[in-house]
PDB file of N, CA and C in Angstrom:
ATOM      1  N   MET A   1      -1.331   0.970 -19.214  1.00  0.00           N
ATOM      2  CA  MET A   1       0.071   1.330 -19.279  1.00  0.00           C
ATOM      3  C   MET A   1       0.212   2.597 -20.102  1.00  0.00           C
ATOM      4  N   SER A   2       1.230   3.381 -19.871  1.00  0.00           N
ATOM      5  CA  SER A   2       1.439   4.635 -20.563  1.00  0.00           C
ATOM      6  C   SER A   2       1.774   4.389 -22.033  1.00  0.00           C
ATOM      7  N   PRO A   3       1.695   5.427 -22.843  1.00  0.00           N
ATOM      8  CA  PRO A   3       1.921   5.269 -24.291  1.00  0.00           C
ATOM      9  C   PRO A   3       3.264   4.660 -24.657  1.00  0.00           C
ATOM     10  N   GLN A   4       4.303   4.910 -23.887  1.00  0.00           N
ATOM     11  CA  GLN A   4       5.618   4.357 -24.217  1.00  0.00           C
ATOM     12  C   GLN A   4       5.794   2.943 -23.669  1.00  0.00           C
ATOM     13  N   ASN A   5       4.725   2.313 -23.214  1.00  0.00           N
ATOM     14  CA  ASN A   5       4.750   0.975 -22.621  1.00  0.00           C
ATOM     15  C   ASN A   5       5.593   0.903 -21.354  1.00  0.00           C
ATOM     16  N   LYS A   6       5.865   2.039 -20.764  1.00  0.00           N
ATOM     17  CA  LYS A   6       6.561   2.086 -19.484  1.00  0.00           C
ATOM     18  C   LYS A   6       5.513   2.423 -18.431  1.00  0.00           C
ATOM     19  N   PRO A   7       5.334   1.550 -17.450  1.00  0.00           N
ATOM     20  CA  PRO A   7       4.270   1.808 -16.464  1.00  0.00           C
ATOM     21  C   PRO A   7       4.550   3.062 -15.638  1.00  0.00           C
ATOM     22  N   THR A   8       3.480   3.783 -15.327  1.00  0.00           N
ATOM     23  CA  THR A   8       3.589   4.949 -14.457  1.00  0.00           C
ATOM     24  C   THR A   8       3.784   4.463 -13.022  1.00  0.00           C
ATOM     25  N   LEU A   9       4.137   5.395 -12.143  1.00  0.00           N
ATOM     26  CA  LEU A   9       4.281   5.043 -10.731  1.00  0.00           C
ATOM     27  C   LEU A   9       2.961   4.496 -10.200  1.00  0.00           C
ATOM     28  N   GLU A  10       1.867   5.128 -10.564  1.00  0.00           N
ATOM     29  CA  GLU A  10       0.558   4.660 -10.105  1.00  0.00           C
ATOM     30  C   GLU A  10       0.280   3.238 -10.587  1.00  0.00           C
ATOM     31  N   GLU A  11       0.603   2.948 -11.824  1.00  0.00           N
ATOM     32  CA  GLU A  11       0.395   1.596 -12.354  1.00  0.00           C
ATOM     33  C   GLU A  11       1.279   0.576 -11.641  1.00  0.00           C
ATOM     34  N   LYS A  12       2.529   0.947 -11.364  1.00  0.00           N
ATOM     35  CA  LYS A  12       3.428   0.034 -10.648  1.00  0.00           C
ATOM     36  C   LYS A  12       2.885  -0.292  -9.261  1.00  0.00           C
ATOM     37  N   VAL A  13       2.458   0.755  -8.539  1.00  0.00           N
ATOM     38  CA  VAL A  13       1.956   0.550  -7.184  1.00  0.00           C
ATOM     39  C   VAL A  13       0.673  -0.272  -7.217  1.00  0.00           C
ATOM     40  N   GLU A  14      -0.230   0.067  -8.120  1.00  0.00           N
ATOM     41  CA  GLU A  14      -1.492  -0.661  -8.215  1.00  0.00           C
ATOM     42  C   GLU A  14      -1.247  -2.155  -8.433  1.00  0.00           C
ATOM     43  N   ARG A  15      -0.357  -2.470  -9.323  1.00  0.00           N
ATOM     44  CA  ARG A  15      -0.052  -3.872  -9.622  1.00  0.00           C
ATOM     45  C   ARG A  15       0.637  -4.561  -8.443  1.00  0.00           C
ATOM     46  N   THR A  16       1.594  -3.888  -7.826  1.00  0.00           N
ATOM     47  CA  THR A  16       2.319  -4.457  -6.689  1.00  0.00           C
ATOM     48  C   THR A  16       1.391  -4.729  -5.517  1.00  0.00           C
ATOM     49  N   VAL A  17       0.500  -3.795  -5.235  1.00  0.00           N
ATOM     50  CA  VAL A  17      -0.446  -3.988  -4.138  1.00  0.00           C
ATOM     51  C   VAL A  17      -1.375  -5.152  -4.452  1.00  0.00           C
ATOM     52  N   ALA A  18      -1.925  -5.173  -5.657  1.00  0.00           N
ATOM     53  CA  ALA A  18      -2.883  -6.218  -6.028  1.00  0.00           C
ATOM     54  C   ALA A  18      -2.249  -7.610  -6.064  1.00  0.00           C
ATOM     55  N   GLU A  19      -1.038  -7.698  -6.580  1.00  0.00           N
ATOM     56  CA  GLU A  19      -0.427  -9.009  -6.801  1.00  0.00           C
ATOM     57  C   GLU A  19       0.452  -9.504  -5.644  1.00  0.00           C
ATOM     58  N   ILE A  20       1.004  -8.587  -4.863  1.00  0.00           N
ATOM     59  CA  ILE A  20       1.954  -9.000  -3.829  1.00  0.00           C
ATOM     60  C   ILE A  20       1.492  -8.618  -2.424  1.00  0.00           C
ATOM     61  N   LEU A  21       1.311  -7.312  -2.191  1.00  0.00           N
ATOM     62  CA  LEU A  21       1.053  -6.860  -0.821  1.00  0.00           C
ATOM     63  C   LEU A  21      -0.300  -7.289  -0.281  1.00  0.00           C
ATOM     64  N   ALA A  22      -1.365  -7.043  -1.026  1.00  0.00           N
ATOM     65  CA  ALA A  22      -2.701  -7.386  -0.503  1.00  0.00           C
ATOM     66  C   ALA A  22      -2.813  -8.877  -0.183  1.00  0.00           C
ATOM     67  N   PRO A  23      -2.411  -9.772  -1.087  1.00  0.00           N
ATOM     68  CA  PRO A  23      -2.494 -11.194  -0.737  1.00  0.00           C
ATOM     69  C   PRO A  23      -1.605 -11.579   0.450  1.00  0.00           C
ATOM     70  N   ALA A  24      -0.419 -10.995   0.531  1.00  0.00           N
ATOM     71  CA  ALA A  24       0.493 -11.335   1.629  1.00  0.00           C
ATOM     72  C   ALA A  24      -0.068 -10.886   2.975  1.00  0.00           C
ATOM     73  N   PHE A  25      -0.572  -9.664   3.051  1.00  0.00           N
ATOM     74  CA  PHE A  25      -1.113  -9.172   4.317  1.00  0.00           C
ATOM     75  C   PHE A  25      -2.405  -9.893   4.691  1.00  0.00           C
ATOM     76  N   GLU A  26      -3.190 -10.259   3.710  1.00  0.00           N
ATOM     77  CA  GLU A  26      -4.412 -11.022   3.984  1.00  0.00           C
ATOM     78  C   GLU A  26      -4.058 -12.389   4.568  1.00  0.00           C
ATOM     79  N   THR A  27      -3.059 -13.037   4.000  1.00  0.00           N
ATOM     80  CA  THR A  27      -2.646 -14.358   4.457  1.00  0.00           C
ATOM     81  C   THR A  27      -1.961 -14.310   5.823  1.00  0.00           C
ATOM     82  N   GLU A  28      -1.037 -13.376   5.992  1.00  0.00           N
ATOM     83  CA  GLU A  28      -0.227 -13.325   7.203  1.00  0.00           C
ATOM     84  C   GLU A  28      -0.946 -12.778   8.427  1.00  0.00           C
ATOM     85  N   CYS A  29      -1.770 -11.748   8.242  1.00  0.00           N
ATOM     86  CA  CYS A  29      -2.369 -11.124   9.436  1.00  0.00           C
ATOM     87  C   CYS A  29      -3.830 -10.729   9.244  1.00  0.00           C
ATOM     88  N   ALA A  30      -4.471 -11.257   8.221  1.00  0.00           N
ATOM     89  CA  ALA A  30      -5.888 -10.992   7.947  1.00  0.00           C
ATOM     90  C   ALA A  30      -6.182  -9.506   7.786  1.00  0.00           C
ATOM     91  N   ALA A  31      -5.196  -8.740   7.353  1.00  0.00           N
ATOM     92  CA  ALA A  31      -5.385  -7.306   7.123  1.00  0.00           C
ATOM     93  C   ALA A  31      -5.718  -7.073   5.653  1.00  0.00           C
ATOM     94  N   GLN A  32      -6.550  -6.070   5.417  1.00  0.00           N
ATOM     95  CA  GLN A  32      -6.881  -5.686   4.049  1.00  0.00           C
ATOM     96  C   GLN A  32      -6.071  -4.450   3.680  1.00  0.00           C
ATOM     97  N   VAL A  33      -5.476  -4.484   2.506  1.00  0.00           N
ATOM     98  CA  VAL A  33      -4.680  -3.380   2.002  1.00  0.00           C
ATOM     99  C   VAL A  33      -5.219  -3.037   0.624  1.00  0.00           C
ATOM    100  N   ARG A  34      -5.581  -1.751   0.436  1.00  0.00           N
ATOM    101  CA  ARG A  34      -6.105  -1.301  -0.856  1.00  0.00           C
ATOM    102  C   ARG A  34      -5.389  -0.031  -1.285  1.00  0.00           C
ATOM    103  N   PHE A  35      -5.183   0.088  -2.569  1.00  0.00           N
ATOM    104  CA  PHE A  35      -4.508   1.253  -3.140  1.00  0.00           C
ATOM    105  C   PHE A  35      -5.539   2.178  -3.769  1.00  0.00           C
ATOM    106  N   TYR A  36      -5.397   3.495  -3.498  1.00  0.00           N
ATOM    107  CA  TYR A  36      -6.364   4.473  -3.998  1.00  0.00           C
ATOM    108  C   TYR A  36      -5.741   5.609  -4.798  1.00  0.00           C
ATOM    109  N   GLY A  37      -4.486   5.504  -5.153  1.00  0.00           N
ATOM    110  CA  GLY A  37      -3.874   6.544  -5.977  1.00  0.00           C
ATOM    111  C   GLY A  37      -2.583   7.080  -5.377  1.00  0.00           C
ATOM    112  N   ILE A  38      -1.980   7.995  -6.123  1.00  0.00           N
ATOM    113  CA  ILE A  38      -0.722   8.623  -5.720  1.00  0.00           C
ATOM    114  C   ILE A  38      -0.992  10.101  -5.468  1.00  0.00           C
ATOM    115  N   THR A  39      -0.465  10.613  -4.364  1.00  0.00           N
ATOM    116  CA  THR A  39      -0.611  12.029  -4.063  1.00  0.00           C
ATOM    117  C   THR A  39       0.367  12.839  -4.918  1.00  0.00           C
ATOM    118  N   GLU A  40       0.204  14.146  -4.922  1.00  0.00           N
ATOM    119  CA  GLU A  40       1.102  15.009  -5.695  1.00  0.00           C
ATOM    120  C   GLU A  40       2.541  14.929  -5.221  1.00  0.00           C
ATOM    121  N   ASP A  41       2.725  14.591  -3.937  1.00  0.00           N
ATOM    122  CA  ASP A  41       4.088  14.495  -3.423  1.00  0.00           C
ATOM    123  C   ASP A  41       4.650  13.065  -3.455  1.00  0.00           C
ATOM    124  N   GLY A  42       4.026  12.178  -4.236  1.00  0.00           N
ATOM    125  CA  GLY A  42       4.573  10.842  -4.462  1.00  0.00           C
ATOM    126  C   GLY A  42       4.255   9.798  -3.419  1.00  0.00           C
ATOM    127  N   LYS A  43       3.271  10.074  -2.561  1.00  0.00           N
ATOM    128  CA  LYS A  43       2.877   9.077  -1.565  1.00  0.00           C
ATOM    129  C   LYS A  43       1.715   8.251  -2.093  1.00  0.00           C
ATOM    130  N   ALA A  44       1.701   6.982  -1.701  1.00  0.00           N
ATOM    131  CA  ALA A  44       0.615   6.092  -2.089  1.00  0.00           C
ATOM    132  C   ALA A  44      -0.521   6.219  -1.079  1.00  0.00           C
ATOM    133  N   LYS A  45      -1.724   6.513  -1.562  1.00  0.00           N
ATOM    134  CA  LYS A  45      -2.894   6.569  -0.685  1.00  0.00           C
ATOM    135  C   LYS A  45      -3.378   5.134  -0.485  1.00  0.00           C
ATOM    136  N   MET A  46      -3.316   4.678   0.764  1.00  0.00           N
ATOM    137  CA  MET A  46      -3.610   3.284   1.066  1.00  0.00           C
ATOM    138  C   MET A  46      -4.752   3.170   2.067  1.00  0.00           C
ATOM    139  N   GLY A  47      -5.693   2.295   1.746  1.00  0.00           N
ATOM    140  CA  GLY A  47      -6.738   1.947   2.695  1.00  0.00           C
ATOM    141  C   GLY A  47      -6.286   0.720   3.460  1.00  0.00           C
ATOM    142  N   LEU A  48      -6.398   0.769   4.774  1.00  0.00           N
ATOM    143  CA  LEU A  48      -5.929  -0.322   5.618  1.00  0.00           C
ATOM    144  C   LEU A  48      -7.034  -0.741   6.576  1.00  0.00           C
ATOM    145  N   LYS A  49      -7.188  -2.030   6.737  1.00  0.00           N
ATOM    146  CA  LYS A  49      -8.166  -2.553   7.698  1.00  0.00           C
ATOM    147  C   LYS A  49      -7.540  -3.748   8.399  1.00  0.00           C
ATOM    148  N   THR A  50      -7.558  -3.707   9.724  1.00  0.00           N
ATOM    149  CA  THR A  50      -6.997  -4.797  10.501  1.00  0.00           C
ATOM    150  C   THR A  50      -8.120  -5.561  11.195  1.00  0.00           C
ATOM    151  N   PRO A  51      -7.879  -6.805  11.536  1.00  0.00           N
ATOM    152  CA  PRO A  51      -8.896  -7.562  12.267  1.00  0.00           C
ATOM    153  C   PRO A  51      -9.015  -7.104  13.721  1.00  0.00           C
ATOM    154  N   CYS A  52      -8.127  -6.227  14.136  1.00  0.00           N
ATOM    155  CA  CYS A  52      -8.110  -5.759  15.530  1.00  0.00           C
ATOM    156  C   CYS A  52      -8.993  -4.540  15.756  1.00  0.00           C
ATOM    157  N   GLY A  53      -9.815  -4.204  14.802  1.00  0.00           N
ATOM    158  CA  GLY A  53     -10.704  -3.065  14.963  1.00  0.00           C
ATOM    159  C   GLY A  53      -9.968  -1.750  14.967  1.00  0.00           C
ATOM    160  N   ASN A  54     -10.218  -0.937  15.966  1.00  0.00           N
ATOM    161  CA  ASN A  54      -9.633   0.397  16.030  1.00  0.00           C
ATOM    162  C   ASN A  54      -8.402   0.489  16.923  1.00  0.00           C
ATOM    163  N   CYS A  55      -7.731  -0.584  17.138  1.00  0.00           N
ATOM    164  CA  CYS A  55      -6.546  -0.582  17.998  1.00  0.00           C
ATOM    165  C   CYS A  55      -5.433   0.254  17.349  1.00  0.00           C
ATOM    166  N   PRO A  56      -5.019   1.353  17.970  1.00  0.00           N
ATOM    167  CA  PRO A  56      -3.972   2.211  17.387  1.00  0.00           C
ATOM    168  C   PRO A  56      -2.661   1.476  17.148  1.00  0.00           C
ATOM    169  N   ARG A  57      -2.312   0.571  18.036  1.00  0.00           N
ATOM    170  CA  ARG A  57      -1.059  -0.169  17.876  1.00  0.00           C
ATOM    171  C   ARG A  57      -1.106  -1.049  16.620  1.00  0.00           C
ATOM    172  N   ALA A  58      -2.224  -1.716  16.399  1.00  0.00           N
ATOM    173  CA  ALA A  58      -2.365  -2.562  15.208  1.00  0.00           C
ATOM    174  C   ALA A  58      -2.292  -1.720  13.945  1.00  0.00           C
ATOM    175  N   HIS A  59      -2.964  -0.577  13.947  1.00  0.00           N
ATOM    176  CA  HIS A  59      -2.934   0.296  12.774  1.00  0.00           C
ATOM    177  C   HIS A  59      -1.517   0.782  12.489  1.00  0.00           C
ATOM    178  N   GLN A  60      -0.793   1.159  13.511  1.00  0.00           N
ATOM    179  CA  GLN A  60       0.570   1.646  13.329  1.00  0.00           C
ATOM    180  C   GLN A  60       1.476   0.533  12.798  1.00  0.00           C
ATOM    181  N   THR A  61       1.312  -0.669  13.318  1.00  0.00           N
ATOM    182  CA  THR A  61       2.121  -1.803  12.859  1.00  0.00           C
ATOM    183  C   THR A  61       1.850  -2.087  11.386  1.00  0.00           C
ATOM    184  N   ILE A  62       0.582  -2.152  11.026  1.00  0.00           N
ATOM    185  CA  ILE A  62       0.228  -2.411   9.624  1.00  0.00           C
ATOM    186  C   ILE A  62       0.737  -1.280   8.738  1.00  0.00           C
ATOM    187  N   ARG A  63       0.534  -0.039   9.178  1.00  0.00           N
ATOM    188  CA  ARG A  63       0.968   1.106   8.385  1.00  0.00           C
ATOM    189  C   ARG A  63       2.465   1.019   8.118  1.00  0.00           C
ATOM    190  N   GLN A  64       3.243   0.789   9.155  1.00  0.00           N
ATOM    191  CA  GLN A  64       4.689   0.710   8.996  1.00  0.00           C
ATOM    192  C   GLN A  64       5.081  -0.474   8.115  1.00  0.00           C
ATOM    193  N   SER A  65       4.423  -1.597   8.312  1.00  0.00           N
ATOM    194  CA  SER A  65       4.741  -2.792   7.521  1.00  0.00           C
ATOM    195  C   SER A  65       4.436  -2.569   6.043  1.00  0.00           C
ATOM    196  N   VAL A  66       3.293  -1.975   5.756  1.00  0.00           N
ATOM    197  CA  VAL A  66       2.910  -1.710   4.363  1.00  0.00           C
ATOM    198  C   VAL A  66       3.884  -0.722   3.738  1.00  0.00           C
ATOM    199  N   GLU A  67       4.223   0.331   4.474  1.00  0.00           N
ATOM    200  CA  GLU A  67       5.133   1.336   3.924  1.00  0.00           C
ATOM    201  C   GLU A  67       6.506   0.742   3.639  1.00  0.00           C
ATOM    202  N   VAL A  68       7.043  -0.006   4.572  1.00  0.00           N
ATOM    203  CA  VAL A  68       8.364  -0.619   4.373  1.00  0.00           C
ATOM    204  C   VAL A  68       8.331  -1.581   3.181  1.00  0.00           C
ATOM    205  N   ALA A  69       7.310  -2.416   3.107  1.00  0.00           N
ATOM    206  CA  ALA A  69       7.211  -3.386   2.010  1.00  0.00           C
ATOM    207  C   ALA A  69       7.079  -2.675   0.662  1.00  0.00           C
ATOM    208  N   LEU A  70       6.198  -1.687   0.604  1.00  0.00           N
ATOM    209  CA  LEU A  70       5.977  -0.992  -0.660  1.00  0.00           C
ATOM    210  C   LEU A  70       7.221  -0.235  -1.110  1.00  0.00           C
ATOM    211  N   ARG A  71       7.865   0.458  -0.190  1.00  0.00           N
ATOM    212  CA  ARG A  71       9.047   1.232  -0.557  1.00  0.00           C
ATOM    213  C   ARG A  71      10.233   0.339  -0.910  1.00  0.00           C
ATOM    214  N   SER A  72      10.276  -0.863  -0.358  1.00  0.00           N
ATOM    215  CA  SER A  72      11.366  -1.769  -0.737  1.00  0.00           C
ATOM    216  C   SER A  72      11.148  -2.320  -2.149  1.00  0.00           C
ATOM    217  N   LEU A  73       9.892  -2.469  -2.542  1.00  0.00           N
ATOM    218  CA  LEU A  73       9.573  -2.973  -3.883  1.00  0.00           C
ATOM    219  C   LEU A  73       9.586  -1.865  -4.934  1.00  0.00           C
ATOM    220  N   ILE A  74       9.191  -0.650  -4.530  1.00  0.00           N
ATOM    221  CA  ILE A  74       9.125   0.486  -5.455  1.00  0.00           C
ATOM    222  C   ILE A  74       9.754   1.698  -4.756  1.00  0.00           C
ATOM    223  N   PRO A  75      11.055   1.869  -4.882  1.00  0.00           N
ATOM    224  CA  PRO A  75      11.750   2.949  -4.166  1.00  0.00           C
ATOM    225  C   PRO A  75      11.286   4.359  -4.530  1.00  0.00           C
ATOM    226  N   GLU A  76      10.644   4.532  -5.686  1.00  0.00           N
ATOM    227  CA  GLU A  76      10.176   5.863  -6.104  1.00  0.00           C
ATOM    228  C   GLU A  76       9.038   6.367  -5.220  1.00  0.00           C
ATOM    229  N   VAL A  77       8.374   5.478  -4.501  1.00  0.00           N
ATOM    230  CA  VAL A  77       7.280   5.877  -3.619  1.00  0.00           C
ATOM    231  C   VAL A  77       7.883   6.605  -2.416  1.00  0.00           C
ATOM    232  N   GLU A  78       7.348   7.786  -2.118  1.00  0.00           N
ATOM    233  CA  GLU A  78       7.876   8.621  -1.034  1.00  0.00           C
ATOM    234  C   GLU A  78       7.376   8.198   0.340  1.00  0.00           C
ATOM    235  N   GLY A  79       6.402   7.335   0.390  1.00  0.00           N
ATOM    236  CA  GLY A  79       5.800   6.893   1.642  1.00  0.00           C
ATOM    237  C   GLY A  79       4.352   6.542   1.377  1.00  0.00           C
ATOM    238  N   ILE A  80       3.590   6.386   2.439  1.00  0.00           N
ATOM    239  CA  ILE A  80       2.166   6.129   2.245  1.00  0.00           C
ATOM    240  C   ILE A  80       1.359   7.150   3.030  1.00  0.00           C
ATOM    241  N   GLU A  81       0.165   7.362   2.542  1.00  0.00           N
ATOM    242  CA  GLU A  81      -0.818   8.205   3.214  1.00  0.00           C
ATOM    243  C   GLU A  81      -1.967   7.265   3.572  1.00  0.00           C
ATOM    244  N   PRO A  82      -1.953   6.731   4.787  1.00  0.00           N
ATOM    245  CA  PRO A  82      -2.957   5.722   5.144  1.00  0.00           C
ATOM    246  C   PRO A  82      -4.278   6.329   5.609  1.00  0.00           C
ATOM    247  N   PHE A  83      -5.328   5.586   5.342  1.00  0.00           N
ATOM    248  CA  PHE A  83      -6.596   5.849   6.016  1.00  0.00           C
ATOM    249  C   PHE A  83      -7.160   4.499   6.343  1.00  0.00           C
ATOM    250  N   TYR A  84      -8.004   4.459   7.328  1.00  0.00           N
ATOM    251  CA  TYR A  84      -8.438   3.169   7.864  1.00  0.00           C
ATOM    252  C   TYR A  84      -9.867   2.872   7.460  1.00  0.00           C
ATOM    253  N   LEU A  85     -10.029   1.691   6.904  1.00  0.00           N
ATOM    254  CA  LEU A  85     -11.341   1.251   6.404  1.00  0.00           C
ATOM    255  C   LEU A  85     -12.223   0.778   7.534  1.00  0.00           C
TER     256      LEU A  85
END
């Protein structure tokens, strides 16, 4: 946590992904969601893996679902920058 005991955006996202999003997506659709940092423009760098392999439709669905969930929990996030594991 930062010196003033106020979590940074990166700390908020890291905790939210670890405690809420990753377990929920693993349970609901067997997808893996990992957080890798915040870009300079405020986007969360997210690693995504679906059980559907390289299906573009599955990746787009997961990407949109993760972005909507994350932005609803942490409005300061400008979006996500996904890459596929």
